[in-house]
Structures are given as C-alpha cells and as structure tokens.
Amino acid sequence: MDLLNTLVDKGLRRELPTREEALAVLATSDDDVLDVVAAAGKVRRHWFGRRVKLNYLVNLKSGLCPEDCSYCSQRLGSTAGILKYTWLKPDEASEAAAAGLAGGAKRVCLVASGRGPTDRDVDRVSDTIKAIKEQNEGVEVCACLGLLSDGQAERLREAGADAYNHNLNTSEETYADITTTHTYADRVDTVQKAHAAGLSACSGLIAGMGESDEDLVDVVFSLRELDPDSVPVNFLIPFEGTPLAKEWNLTPQRCLRILAMVRFVCPDAEVRIAGGREVHLRTMQPLALNLANSIFLGDYLTSEGQAGKADLEMIADAGFEVEGADQVTLPEHRASAGGGCGSHAEAGCGSHEGGGCGSHEGAGCGSHEGGGLCGSVAASVDAAASANEPRTDLVSVRRRGAGTDLAPNA
C-alpha cells in the first residue's frame, strides 16, 4: 500500500504526515488492519526497539471534583460508585508507589482530582515526591494535578518531579461539548507551563467519546505542535453514572488504527496505551504493543486494570521486553535535548481521568485472577459481545490499593 510505505518513510525521518494521510489511516478497512500495524510497527521499533515502559498510577485524592468533564467518574454530579477520599499522606503514597515499582514500573504518576492545585496542595505533593524519591532510588515521578498557576510547575520541578501530565483530550472545536468548566486553551496553557519549567511534558487524548476522524486528527496534530515527550492514548471507559455511559463506539480494530495514526504523527514520542485498553482492545492488546512503547501496570485511578502478572506475561509472549530502570526511554536526540527528565528515561503519565487533571480514569476488569484479559470473565463472552455490544462486564470500579486497606494490583 503506497500510503503505508510513505508513512513509514516519513516516520523514520520524523517528518509530519499530511492531514489527508492521517485521515486515510483511520479510514482503512478491517481487512487492512494488520498491514497498518506492521507499517507503524516499523516506526515504533526504529525509535524504541522492542522495549515496553511500565508506569504506575497512584491516586492521591479521589472523587468530589468540581469540574464537569463528561467522561470522568470523579466529575461534578457523577453517580458512579467510586472510592472517595482526601489526600494520601506522603508515606501512604510512597508505600503505594513501591508496590508498582516492585512489579516492574519505572515511572510513578501522582494524580489528584480537582480543577488545579492550591499552593498548599503543591506543598503536599512536593513532600510526597521527596518521600518517594528518598525511598526508591532512580524512580521517575510525574505529577498530574490539573490546571497550574504561575510558579507551580517550577516548585514541582524543584521538589524532584520529572514530568507533568495534562491531556488535551479532544479537538479544540469539540472541547466545549465535553467540558464547560474550563477551556481547551486552559489545558494548552498548562502544558506550556510544564515545558517552560523544564518538566517533561506529557499530553494525550481520549478516543471513543463520539468524535469524528477529523477531531482525532486535529487533537493529535495539536499535540505534535506542543511536542510532548509522552502521548497517552486513552479509550473511553463508559462509566455508569456519567454522561457518556452509553458511548460504546470502539472496536479493537479501530483502536489499533488510532494508535497507528498517533505513531505516524508522533513517531519519536513515547506513545502510551492508557485507560481503556482492557475494555476496547481486549484480546488484541498484544498487537497494540507493536504501536505503543508504554503502558500502565495494574489498576487505574477509579477502575481496575488487568492483573499485573498478566501484563508482564502479555509483554513477554508478544516478543517484547520490559524497559529497565537503567535504559533511556526516549531516542537520543530527545533525551539529549534536556528539559525535565528528558535527559533520562523519560515520558509522561497520563491515563488520568478527570477533573482538571487529565484524560480519564479508564480501564478494564483486571480484578479477575488468571491470565489473559479477564480470566474468569472470559468464559462468559458470547457472540453478541464479540460483535462490539457494550461490555459493561469489563468495567470494574477500583476497590483496592491507594485509599483502601487492600493490597494493590501490581
């Protein structure tokens, strides 16, 4: 296919595709999806080899957000039965982070619901960053706290933060249809503040909210212009109790095409499969590792993910390897550019849900033991479900880990 050959050549040269080429990737048929994955996989392997970076989320403060992001289970007016708790203490957050690091993660993402941090909140998070770094040598820390005020990014950097996540989520044209309590421009401003403070910027999107192909291309081209080191791709989790609970628009094949388009547009950035991979990619998750070089290990903010052991087995079975703490994530030209943690293993955080902070909480079942996607649930999948009927059985509210007395999934 001439289109794919052209895109591979451009990706190897870090050349931006045209909008028409990006749209054409999304318009390819299911019959061609393996060709699309193979082509984008060449670009992924050129810049990142067969390494998969593992990231681990710690939800510092859950629920009760004043923002109205339609996709988020923590939003104002949400009736989703999620965990609700105020700030974890630094030692509690450090203990939660240690579980993920023991499971193979090299990046800890600290997330808090809300429009944005107060100066006192920045002090809390700074203390938490210091505690985590003192107790876990070489760990990378990304913060995701919402919209930043002047000077706050610099204070987080001084405390030891390596990166800051704030997702654009969707196109500027449709942003007001998703959120009304802050603007697209507010989000862009926060990403720019992180950049200016020397933090590694992490910013991505959510697919599956009813957007058009043009919206997806618009937001990914906007991300390319912002030039984050890390681009998390979230797939909407239609949480009961949120306005988008009935939006089941994704198939595994469409998810693969979206990831491929992101890889072609952002060839040398860390592309992370974030929230929702278990729900929408399902048994096609291993194929997606040919497109993305980063995932989250274990659970998400308010939903449970695939069992950590199953993640590790999936990576190995697919012929990939977990990126070590001594390995540099980004290509040399990015890593040597400095700024934030760009000088080392770098990336962002970003499957984060809501409020001011990020994209959404996302992700599948994972509470089920056993390998593969959902273990005990897998036997219940019938023909209707495989035809992309709503898979509400794959959406499980997090009841363990941070904010509970139960061990985390890592």
Protein backbone atom coordinates (compact mmCIF):
# COMPACT_ATOMS: atom_id res chain seq x y z
CA MET A 1 0.00 0.00 0.00
CA ASP A 2 1.63 3.25 -1.15
CA LEU A 3 0.12 5.20 1.75
CA LEU A 4 1.77 2.98 4.35
CA ASN A 5 5.15 2.98 2.60
CA THR A 6 5.04 6.77 2.50
CA LEU A 7 4.13 6.98 6.20
CA VAL A 8 6.91 4.62 7.22
CA ASP A 9 9.45 6.69 5.29
CA LYS A 10 8.18 9.88 6.91
CA GLY A 11 8.18 8.31 10.37
CA LEU A 12 11.78 7.21 10.07
CA ARG A 13 12.69 10.79 9.13
CA ARG A 14 10.48 12.38 11.84
CA GLU A 15 8.56 14.10 9.06
CA LEU A 16 4.98 15.16 9.72
CA PRO A 17 2.36 13.36 7.60
CA THR A 18 -0.31 15.39 5.88
CA ARG A 19 -3.75 15.60 7.43
CA GLU A 20 -5.08 13.64 4.46
CA GLU A 21 -2.59 10.82 5.16
CA ALA A 22 -3.53 10.70 8.84
CA LEU A 23 -7.22 10.58 7.97
CA ALA A 24 -6.53 7.83 5.45
CA VAL A 25 -5.03 5.64 8.20
CA LEU A 26 -8.25 5.94 10.21
CA ALA A 27 -10.29 5.15 7.08
CA THR A 28 -8.51 1.88 6.27
CA SER A 29 -10.64 -1.26 6.41
CA ASP A 30 -10.54 -4.00 9.00
CA ASP A 31 -9.12 -6.24 6.26
CA ASP A 32 -6.05 -3.97 6.12
CA VAL A 33 -5.53 -3.51 9.85
CA LEU A 34 -2.62 -5.96 10.09
CA ASP A 35 -0.85 -4.11 7.28
CA VAL A 36 -1.36 -0.85 9.17
CA VAL A 37 0.01 -2.36 12.39
CA ALA A 38 3.03 -3.79 10.56
CA ALA A 39 3.85 -0.45 8.97
CA ALA A 40 3.51 1.60 12.16
CA GLY A 41 5.42 -1.13 13.98
CA LYS A 42 8.48 -0.40 11.81
CA VAL A 43 8.44 3.19 13.03
CA ARG A 44 7.93 2.14 16.66
CA ARG A 45 10.82 -0.33 16.55
CA HIS A 46 13.12 2.17 14.80
CA TRP A 47 12.83 4.65 17.65
CA PHE A 48 12.11 2.40 20.64
CA GLY A 49 13.22 -1.13 19.78
CA ARG A 50 11.14 -3.81 21.49
CA ARG A 51 11.11 -2.14 24.90
CA VAL A 52 7.88 -1.50 26.82
CA LYS A 53 7.95 1.08 29.57
CA LEU A 54 5.77 0.37 32.61
CA ASN A 55 4.13 3.20 34.51
CA TYR A 56 2.19 3.05 37.76
CA LEU A 57 -0.62 5.32 38.92
CA VAL A 58 -1.15 6.49 42.49
CA ASN A 59 -4.45 8.31 43.06
CA LEU A 60 -3.58 10.84 45.77
CA LYS A 61 -7.11 12.25 46.11
CA SER A 62 -10.16 10.56 44.65
CA GLY A 63 -13.58 11.90 43.68
CA LEU A 64 -15.52 15.05 44.53
CA CYS A 65 -14.14 17.09 41.65
CA PRO A 66 -15.81 20.45 40.86
CA GLU A 67 -15.19 20.11 37.10
CA ASP A 68 -17.84 18.69 34.75
CA CYS A 69 -15.75 16.60 32.31
CA SER A 70 -18.33 14.29 30.76
CA TYR A 71 -16.03 11.27 30.56
CA CYS A 72 -14.94 11.29 34.20
CA SER A 73 -16.28 9.19 37.08
CA GLN A 74 -14.98 11.83 39.53
CA ARG A 75 -16.82 14.70 37.86
CA LEU A 76 -19.30 17.06 39.43
CA GLY A 77 -22.64 15.23 39.52
CA SER A 78 -21.21 11.75 38.90
CA THR A 79 -23.21 8.94 40.49
CA ALA A 80 -20.55 6.32 39.77
CA GLY A 81 -19.83 4.33 42.92
CA ILE A 82 -16.13 5.09 43.03
CA LEU A 83 -13.80 5.44 46.00
CA LYS A 84 -13.81 8.92 47.52
CA TYR A 85 -11.02 10.07 49.84
CA THR A 86 -8.92 13.11 50.55
CA TRP A 87 -5.15 13.48 50.24
CA LEU A 88 -2.96 10.47 50.98
CA LYS A 89 -0.10 11.20 53.35
CA PRO A 90 3.39 11.11 51.85
CA ASP A 91 4.25 7.78 53.47
CA GLU A 92 0.98 6.25 52.25
CA ALA A 93 1.64 7.43 48.70
CA SER A 94 5.23 6.18 48.86
CA GLU A 95 4.04 2.76 50.03
CA ALA A 96 1.57 2.61 47.15
CA ALA A 97 4.26 3.64 44.68
CA ALA A 98 6.65 0.97 45.98
CA ALA A 99 4.18 -1.76 45.03
CA GLY A 100 4.18 -0.66 41.40
CA LEU A 101 7.94 -0.29 41.29
CA ALA A 102 8.35 -3.79 42.70
CA GLY A 103 6.16 -5.02 39.84
CA GLY A 104 8.50 -3.55 37.22
CA ALA A 105 7.33 0.06 36.80
CA LYS A 106 9.98 2.75 36.40
CA ARG A 107 7.64 5.77 36.41
CA VAL A 108 5.18 6.71 39.16
CA CYS A 109 2.33 9.04 38.20
CA LEU A 110 0.84 11.02 41.08
CA VAL A 111 -2.70 12.14 40.30
CA ALA A 112 -5.23 14.21 42.22
CA SER A 113 -8.78 15.13 41.25
CA GLY A 114 -9.72 18.77 41.09
CA ARG A 115 -9.53 21.85 38.89
CA GLY A 116 -5.97 22.53 39.91
CA PRO A 117 -3.74 22.61 42.98
CA THR A 118 -3.61 25.31 45.61
CA ASP A 119 -0.17 26.35 46.81
CA ARG A 120 -0.77 24.18 49.89
CA ASP A 121 -1.57 21.25 47.59
CA VAL A 122 1.73 21.80 45.77
CA ASP A 123 3.47 21.63 49.17
CA ARG A 124 1.71 18.31 49.91
CA VAL A 125 2.68 16.83 46.59
CA SER A 126 6.23 18.13 46.90
CA ASP A 127 6.57 16.32 50.22
CA THR A 128 5.20 13.16 48.58
CA ILE A 129 7.64 13.40 45.66
CA LYS A 130 10.55 13.77 48.06
CA ALA A 131 9.38 10.77 50.13
CA ILE A 132 9.05 8.57 47.05
CA LYS A 133 12.45 9.57 45.69
CA GLU A 134 14.17 9.10 49.06
CA GLN A 135 12.78 5.59 49.42
CA ASN A 136 13.07 4.44 45.79
CA GLU A 137 16.36 5.23 44.12
CA GLY A 138 16.19 6.15 40.45
CA VAL A 139 12.38 6.37 40.25
CA GLU A 140 10.82 8.84 37.83
CA VAL A 141 7.88 10.87 39.11
CA CYS A 142 5.19 12.54 37.02
CA ALA A 143 2.57 14.81 38.59
CA CYS A 144 -0.97 15.27 37.28
CA LEU A 145 -2.79 17.83 39.42
CA GLY A 146 -4.88 19.84 36.99
CA LEU A 147 -4.51 23.39 35.74
CA LEU A 148 -1.32 25.03 37.00
CA SER A 149 -0.96 28.60 38.23
CA ASP A 150 2.16 30.65 37.64
CA GLY A 151 5.17 29.29 39.52
CA GLN A 152 3.67 25.95 40.48
CA ALA A 153 5.42 23.93 37.78
CA GLU A 154 8.75 25.37 38.91
CA ARG A 155 8.03 24.37 42.51
CA LEU A 156 7.20 20.81 41.46
CA ARG A 157 10.43 20.65 39.47
CA GLU A 158 12.41 21.87 42.48
CA ALA A 159 10.77 19.15 44.61
CA GLY A 160 12.06 16.50 42.21
CA ALA A 161 9.21 15.99 39.75
CA ASP A 162 10.44 14.82 36.37
CA ALA A 163 7.30 15.29 34.30
CA TYR A 164 3.83 16.80 34.29
CA ASN A 165 0.75 15.37 32.63
CA HIS A 166 -2.18 17.35 31.31
CA ASN A 167 -4.12 15.92 28.38
CA LEU A 168 -5.84 17.87 25.61
CA ASN A 169 -8.38 15.01 25.34
CA THR A 170 -10.18 16.07 22.17
CA SER A 171 -10.13 18.68 19.42
CA GLU A 172 -10.41 22.37 20.19
CA GLU A 173 -13.58 22.57 18.09
CA THR A 174 -15.46 19.98 20.15
CA TYR A 175 -13.90 20.59 23.56
CA ALA A 176 -16.81 22.65 24.89
CA ASP A 177 -19.14 19.71 24.15
CA ILE A 178 -17.18 17.60 26.66
CA THR A 179 -16.31 20.13 29.38
CA THR A 180 -17.72 23.56 30.23
CA THR A 181 -15.94 24.45 33.48
CA HIS A 182 -12.58 25.11 31.81
CA THR A 183 -11.38 25.57 28.25
CA TYR A 184 -9.14 23.88 25.74
CA ALA A 185 -6.88 26.93 25.94
CA ASP A 186 -6.53 26.40 29.69
CA ARG A 187 -5.17 22.93 29.02
CA VAL A 188 -2.73 24.12 26.39
CA ASP A 189 -1.51 26.78 28.81
CA THR A 190 -0.74 24.21 31.49
CA VAL A 191 1.24 22.01 29.08
CA GLN A 192 3.23 25.08 28.08
CA LYS A 193 3.87 25.97 31.74
CA ALA A 194 5.28 22.48 32.31
CA HIS A 195 7.55 22.83 29.28
CA ALA A 196 8.75 26.26 30.40
CA ALA A 197 9.60 24.97 33.87
CA GLY A 198 11.85 22.27 32.44
CA LEU A 199 9.46 19.42 33.18
CA SER A 200 8.96 16.70 30.60
CA ALA A 201 5.53 17.38 29.14
CA CYS A 202 3.02 14.55 28.85
CA SER A 203 -0.22 15.20 26.99
CA GLY A 204 -2.61 12.96 25.11
CA LEU A 205 -6.19 12.25 24.14
CA ILE A 206 -9.32 10.20 24.73
CA ALA A 207 -10.88 8.27 21.86
CA GLY A 208 -14.41 6.93 21.82
CA MET A 209 -16.39 9.96 23.01
CA GLY A 210 -18.34 10.24 19.76
CA GLU A 211 -15.72 12.30 17.99
CA SER A 212 -15.11 12.25 14.24
CA ASP A 213 -11.95 11.16 12.45
CA GLU A 214 -11.27 14.85 11.84
CA ASP A 215 -11.43 15.53 15.59
CA LEU A 216 -8.92 12.77 16.29
CA VAL A 217 -6.51 14.07 13.67
CA ASP A 218 -6.97 17.65 14.93
CA VAL A 219 -6.04 16.79 18.51
CA VAL A 220 -3.06 14.63 17.51
CA PHE A 221 -1.72 17.37 15.20
CA SER A 222 -2.15 19.85 18.06
CA LEU A 223 -0.18 17.52 20.30
CA ARG A 224 2.58 17.25 17.70
CA GLU A 225 2.79 21.06 17.72
CA LEU A 226 3.05 21.12 21.54
CA ASP A 227 5.76 18.46 21.25
CA PRO A 228 5.26 16.48 24.48
CA ASP A 229 7.74 13.71 25.23
CA SER A 230 4.84 11.37 26.01
CA VAL A 231 1.44 10.95 24.34
CA PRO A 232 -1.01 8.78 26.30
CA VAL A 233 -3.89 7.39 24.26
CA ASN A 234 -6.96 6.68 26.36
CA PHE A 235 -10.01 4.76 25.19
CA LEU A 236 -13.19 5.95 26.87
CA ILE A 237 -14.48 3.84 29.74
CA PRO A 238 -18.26 4.39 29.62
CA PHE A 239 -18.76 4.51 33.38
CA GLU A 240 -22.33 4.18 34.60
CA GLY A 241 -23.28 7.41 36.33
CA THR A 242 -21.50 9.65 33.80
CA PRO A 243 -22.97 11.44 30.74
CA LEU A 244 -21.00 9.23 28.31
CA ALA A 245 -22.06 5.93 29.85
CA LYS A 246 -23.80 4.85 26.62
CA GLU A 247 -20.90 5.69 24.29
CA TRP A 248 -19.63 2.30 23.12
CA ASN A 249 -18.14 3.33 19.77
CA LEU A 250 -14.84 1.48 19.62
CA THR A 251 -13.78 -1.85 18.18
CA PRO A 252 -10.34 -3.40 18.70
CA GLN A 253 -9.56 -2.69 15.04
CA ARG A 254 -10.44 1.00 15.36
CA CYS A 255 -8.29 1.28 18.48
CA LEU A 256 -5.36 -0.17 16.54
CA ARG A 257 -5.89 2.31 13.69
CA ILE A 258 -5.97 5.21 16.16
CA LEU A 259 -2.74 4.08 17.81
CA ALA A 260 -1.10 3.68 14.41
CA MET A 261 -2.16 7.19 13.37
CA VAL A 262 -0.70 8.61 16.60
CA ARG A 263 2.56 6.75 15.98
CA PHE A 264 2.85 8.10 12.44
CA VAL A 265 2.17 11.68 13.55
CA CYS A 266 4.38 11.46 16.68
CA PRO A 267 6.98 8.90 15.56
CA ASP A 268 9.69 9.57 18.16
CA ALA A 269 7.47 10.37 21.16
CA GLU A 270 6.59 7.85 23.81
CA VAL A 271 3.13 6.59 22.87
CA ARG A 272 1.39 5.05 25.85
CA ILE A 273 -1.70 2.87 25.80
CA ALA A 274 -3.51 4.26 28.79
CA GLY A 275 -7.02 3.84 30.18
CA GLY A 276 -9.43 1.51 28.46
CA ARG A 277 -7.13 -0.95 26.71
CA GLU A 278 -8.62 -3.91 28.55
CA VAL A 279 -12.16 -2.83 27.68
CA HIS A 280 -11.75 -1.99 23.99
CA LEU A 281 -8.62 -3.74 22.71
CA ARG A 282 -9.38 -6.84 24.76
CA THR A 283 -7.57 -9.86 23.30
CA MET A 284 -5.92 -7.60 20.69
CA GLN A 285 -3.79 -5.87 23.35
CA PRO A 286 -0.58 -7.71 22.36
CA LEU A 287 -0.89 -6.40 18.79
CA ALA A 288 -1.05 -2.87 20.15
CA LEU A 289 2.43 -3.26 21.64
CA ASN A 290 3.70 -3.04 18.06
CA LEU A 291 2.40 0.55 18.03
CA ALA A 292 2.88 1.86 21.55
CA ASN A 293 6.02 1.56 23.65
CA SER A 294 4.48 2.22 27.05
CA ILE A 295 1.55 1.03 29.19
CA PHE A 296 0.25 1.35 32.73
CA LEU A 297 0.81 -1.57 35.08
CA GLY A 298 -2.09 -2.70 37.25
CA ASP A 299 -5.04 -0.51 38.19
CA TYR A 300 -6.03 2.99 37.15
CA LEU A 301 -7.50 5.84 39.19
CA THR A 302 -11.04 4.67 39.84
CA SER A 303 -11.22 1.48 37.77
CA GLU A 304 -9.38 -1.81 37.91
CA GLY A 305 -6.98 -2.88 35.21
CA GLN A 306 -5.70 -6.20 34.01
CA ALA A 307 -3.75 -8.19 36.58
CA GLY A 308 -0.15 -7.02 36.76
CA LYS A 309 1.13 -10.56 36.25
CA ALA A 310 -0.97 -10.86 33.10
CA ASP A 311 0.54 -7.62 31.77
CA LEU A 312 4.05 -8.98 32.21
CA GLU A 313 3.14 -12.28 30.58
CA MET A 314 1.50 -10.46 27.67
CA ILE A 315 4.63 -8.40 27.04
CA ALA A 316 6.88 -11.45 27.08
CA ASP A 317 4.56 -13.60 24.96
CA ALA A 318 4.33 -10.85 22.33
CA GLY A 319 8.12 -10.82 21.99
CA PHE A 320 8.76 -7.56 23.84
CA GLU A 321 10.75 -6.78 26.96
CA VAL A 322 10.11 -4.59 29.98
CA GLU A 323 12.27 -1.48 29.87
CA GLY A 324 14.80 -1.43 32.70
CA ALA A 325 15.45 1.41 35.10
CA ASP A 326 18.89 1.87 33.53
CA GLN A 327 17.53 2.21 30.00
CA VAL A 328 16.70 5.55 28.39
CA THR A 329 13.16 5.68 27.04
CA LEU A 330 13.47 8.49 24.51
CA PRO A 331 15.60 8.49 21.37
CA GLU A 332 18.97 10.18 21.80
CA HIS A 333 18.01 13.41 20.04
CA ARG A 334 15.13 13.90 22.50
CA ALA A 335 16.95 12.70 25.60
CA SER A 336 19.95 14.93 24.92
CA ALA A 337 17.72 17.97 24.45
CA GLY A 338 17.44 18.24 28.22
CA GLY A 339 14.46 19.66 29.99
CA GLY A 340 12.67 17.85 32.71
CA CYS A 341 13.59 14.24 32.74
CA GLY A 342 14.27 14.30 29.04
CA SER A 343 17.86 13.62 29.92
CA HIS A 344 16.95 10.18 31.15
CA ALA A 345 14.27 7.64 30.77
CA GLU A 346 11.51 9.94 30.23
CA ALA A 347 7.88 10.04 29.44
CA GLY A 348 4.75 11.33 30.97
CA CYS A 349 1.99 10.00 32.94
CA GLY A 350 -1.39 10.25 31.60
CA SER A 351 -4.27 7.90 31.68
CA HIS A 352 -5.67 10.10 34.31
CA GLU A 353 -9.19 10.92 34.46
CA GLY A 354 -10.79 13.81 35.16
CA GLY A 355 -11.29 16.94 36.91
CA GLY A 356 -8.73 19.40 35.97
CA CYS A 357 -6.11 16.76 35.81
CA GLY A 358 -6.22 14.58 32.87
CA SER A 359 -7.96 12.40 30.48
CA HIS A 360 -9.91 9.80 32.32
CA GLU A 361 -9.63 7.00 34.71
CA GLY A 362 -10.08 4.29 32.42
CA ALA A 363 -9.71 0.64 32.26
CA GLY A 364 -10.93 -2.78 32.29
CA CYS A 365 -11.63 -5.53 34.63
CA GLY A 366 -8.38 -6.91 35.85
CA SER A 367 -9.72 -7.79 39.26
CA HIS A 368 -10.23 -11.23 37.87
CA GLU A 369 -7.44 -13.63 38.53
CA GLY A 370 -5.81 -15.65 35.90
CA GLY A 371 -4.11 -14.75 32.73
CA GLY A 372 -5.19 -13.09 29.61
CA LEU A 373 -7.72 -10.34 29.65
CA CYS A 374 -10.22 -11.13 32.34
CA GLY A 375 -9.65 -14.68 33.43
CA SER A 376 -12.88 -15.87 34.96
CA VAL A 377 -15.00 -13.48 32.91
CA ALA A 378 -13.62 -14.66 29.58
CA ALA A 379 -15.82 -17.73 29.52
CA SER A 380 -18.93 -15.54 29.59
CA VAL A 381 -18.08 -13.69 26.38
CA ASP A 382 -20.68 -14.62 23.79
CA ALA A 383 -21.22 -13.85 20.13
CA ALA A 384 -23.14 -10.66 20.85
CA ALA A 385 -20.34 -9.30 22.99
CA SER A 386 -17.74 -10.07 20.37
CA ALA A 387 -19.80 -8.06 17.88
CA ASN A 388 -18.97 -4.95 19.93
CA GLU A 389 -22.04 -4.87 22.08
CA PRO A 390 -21.46 -2.84 25.26
CA ARG A 391 -19.08 -4.78 27.52
CA THR A 392 -20.09 -3.39 30.88
CA ASP A 393 -18.75 -6.59 32.45
CA LEU A 394 -15.26 -5.27 31.73
CA VAL A 395 -15.73 -2.06 33.71
CA SER A 396 -14.88 -2.65 37.34
CA VAL A 397 -14.65 0.08 40.00
CA ARG A 398 -11.35 0.04 41.86
CA ARG A 399 -11.75 -1.28 45.41
CA ARG A 400 -8.12 -1.97 46.29
CA GLY A 401 -4.79 -0.19 46.55
CA ALA A 402 -4.49 3.52 47.37
CA GLY A 403 -7.20 4.75 49.70
CA THR A 404 -8.14 1.24 50.87
CA ASP A 405 -6.80 -1.40 53.24
CA LEU A 406 -6.41 -3.95 50.44
CA ALA A 407 -3.22 -4.76 48.57
CA PRO A 408 -2.81 -3.06 45.18
CA ASN A 409 -2.76 -4.80 41.82
CA ALA A 410 0.84 -4.53 40.66
